Protein backbone atom coordinates (compact mmCIF):
# COMPACT_ATOMS: atom_id res chain seq x y z
CA MET A 1 -9.53 31.07 -12.69
CA ALA A 2 -11.83 31.04 -9.56
CA PRO A 3 -11.59 28.24 -7.48
CA GLY A 4 -14.39 25.47 -8.00
CA PRO A 5 -17.03 24.35 -5.52
CA GLN A 6 -15.58 21.98 -2.50
CA LEU A 7 -16.03 18.73 -2.59
CA VAL A 8 -18.31 16.86 0.42
CA ALA A 9 -18.54 13.30 1.19
CA PHE A 10 -21.01 11.32 3.07
CA ILE A 11 -21.30 8.29 4.70
CA PRO A 12 -24.87 6.51 6.12
CA SER A 13 -24.96 6.02 9.64
CA SER A 14 -27.89 4.02 11.58
CA HIS A 15 -26.86 5.78 14.93
CA LEU A 16 -24.77 8.75 15.35
CA GLY A 17 -23.41 8.19 18.50
CA SER A 18 -21.48 5.37 17.24
CA SER A 19 -20.10 6.90 14.54
CA HIS A 20 -19.22 9.62 16.38
CA ALA A 21 -17.00 7.06 18.67
CA PHE A 22 -15.80 5.98 15.37
CA TYR A 23 -14.86 8.72 13.43
CA ALA A 24 -13.34 11.27 15.74
CA GLY A 25 -12.18 8.52 18.42
CA VAL A 26 -10.57 5.67 15.95
CA LEU A 27 -10.02 7.83 13.15
CA GLY A 28 -9.23 10.91 14.91
CA LEU A 29 -11.09 13.17 12.52
CA ASP A 30 -12.17 15.91 14.03
CA ARG A 31 -16.08 16.93 14.09
CA VAL A 32 -16.70 20.24 12.99
CA GLU A 33 -20.78 20.16 13.07
CA ALA A 34 -22.98 18.27 15.10
CA THR A 35 -27.19 18.10 14.44
CA SER A 36 -30.01 15.19 15.06
CA MET A 37 -29.40 14.57 11.23
CA ALA A 38 -25.68 14.15 10.87
CA ASN A 39 -22.20 15.00 12.16
CA VAL A 40 -19.48 16.34 9.89
CA TYR A 41 -16.08 15.80 10.17
CA ASP A 42 -12.96 17.78 8.64
CA ALA A 43 -11.32 14.66 6.62
CA TYR A 44 -7.93 16.60 6.47
CA GLY A 45 -9.27 19.08 4.46
CA THR A 46 -12.41 17.45 2.70
CA PRO A 47 -16.26 17.84 4.63
CA LEU A 48 -17.12 14.54 5.68
CA ARG A 49 -20.71 14.46 6.32
CA VAL A 50 -22.25 11.15 8.47
CA THR A 51 -25.33 11.27 8.10
CA LEU A 52 -28.58 9.57 9.67
CA VAL A 53 -30.13 7.15 7.71
CA THR A 54 -32.57 5.00 9.76
CA ASP A 55 -33.03 2.19 7.31
CA HIS A 56 -29.37 1.76 5.95
CA SER A 57 -27.91 -1.03 4.60
CA PRO A 58 -24.21 -1.26 3.90
CA SER A 59 -23.06 -1.39 0.23
CA PRO A 60 -20.91 -4.62 -0.72
CA PHE A 61 -18.00 -2.33 -1.94
CA THR A 62 -15.70 0.45 -1.04
CA ILE A 63 -17.58 3.74 -0.18
CA ILE A 64 -14.85 5.88 0.83
CA GLY A 65 -10.90 5.57 1.03
CA PHE A 66 -8.09 7.29 2.36
CA TYR A 67 -4.65 7.63 0.39
CA VAL A 68 -1.77 7.24 3.12
CA SER A 69 2.07 7.25 2.12
CA ASP A 70 2.78 3.88 4.04
CA VAL A 71 -0.08 1.43 4.49
CA LEU A 72 1.07 -1.11 6.50
CA ALA A 73 2.36 1.77 9.12
CA SER A 74 -1.38 3.14 8.80
CA MET A 75 -3.13 -0.35 9.50
CA ALA A 76 -0.76 -0.84 12.44
CA GLU A 77 -1.82 2.42 14.11
CA LEU A 78 -5.28 1.65 13.39
CA ARG A 79 -5.23 -1.78 14.76
CA GLU A 80 -3.66 -0.58 18.07
CA ARG A 81 -7.35 1.31 18.24
CA GLY A 82 -9.13 -1.50 17.84
CA VAL A 83 -9.85 -1.88 13.83
CA GLN A 84 -10.20 -4.95 12.07
CA PHE A 85 -9.05 -5.28 8.42
CA LYS A 86 -11.02 -7.51 5.75
CA SER A 87 -10.18 -10.33 3.71
CA TYR A 88 -12.24 -10.37 0.45
CA GLU A 89 -12.03 -13.68 -1.92
CA GLY A 90 -10.73 -13.47 -4.96
CA TYR A 91 -8.30 -10.75 -3.82
CA ASP A 92 -4.63 -12.33 -3.52
CA GLN A 93 -3.85 -10.47 -0.28
CA ASP A 94 -0.70 -10.94 1.71
CA ALA A 95 -0.47 -11.99 5.71
CA ASP A 96 -0.86 -8.39 6.60
CA GLY A 97 -4.55 -8.13 4.39
CA ILE A 98 -2.71 -5.92 1.61
CA TRP A 99 -3.40 -6.51 -1.66
CA THR A 100 -1.48 -5.13 -4.30
CA THR A 101 -3.10 -3.66 -7.66
CA PRO A 102 -1.42 -4.73 -11.03
CA ASN A 103 -0.22 -1.30 -11.25
CA GLY A 104 1.48 -1.66 -8.14
CA ARG A 105 -0.87 0.61 -5.58
CA ARG A 106 -1.27 -1.40 -2.29
CA VAL A 107 -5.09 -1.47 -0.23
CA ALA A 108 -5.99 -2.87 3.04
CA TRP A 109 -10.21 -2.69 3.57
CA PHE A 110 -11.86 -1.89 7.11
CA GLU A 111 -15.71 -1.34 7.94
CA ASP A 112 -17.30 1.53 10.06
CA PRO A 113 -19.90 0.63 12.71
CA ASP A 114 -22.38 0.24 10.05
CA ARG A 115 -20.39 -1.91 7.81
CA ASN A 116 -19.40 0.75 5.14
CA ILE A 117 -16.53 -0.70 3.73
CA ILE A 118 -13.63 2.11 4.17
CA SER A 119 -10.36 1.55 2.25
CA LEU A 120 -6.40 2.76 2.68
CA SER A 121 -4.41 3.15 -0.32
CA GLN A 122 -0.88 3.43 -1.10
CA PRO A 123 0.28 4.44 -3.94
CA ALA A 124 3.04 2.47 -6.40
CA GLU A 125 6.53 2.70 -5.70
């Protein structure tokens, strides 16, 4: 069977320079394309297209996430790079800001410069 089309993820940005500093500098993603309308990054095999949207309003929910093997270690690495993690009312997050889902998945949230919400998610043990 032939492989299907490749998934491309999209994230809106009000300023591509600030977004590049974050996605390349903080998250460590390699930029593979740059135009006046978008930057494209290699997000571990998935193209991540950060697209210029001048009238961007952030969504109040997670728009993209990364599965990680150790959420606490990933958080520590991102905190060293200046990332601040979010706490949300109604979620029983621990002192590190991690919420454990009913099925045991561990989740933490942070924002990019445009206040787009990004998650880290560790599978249940």
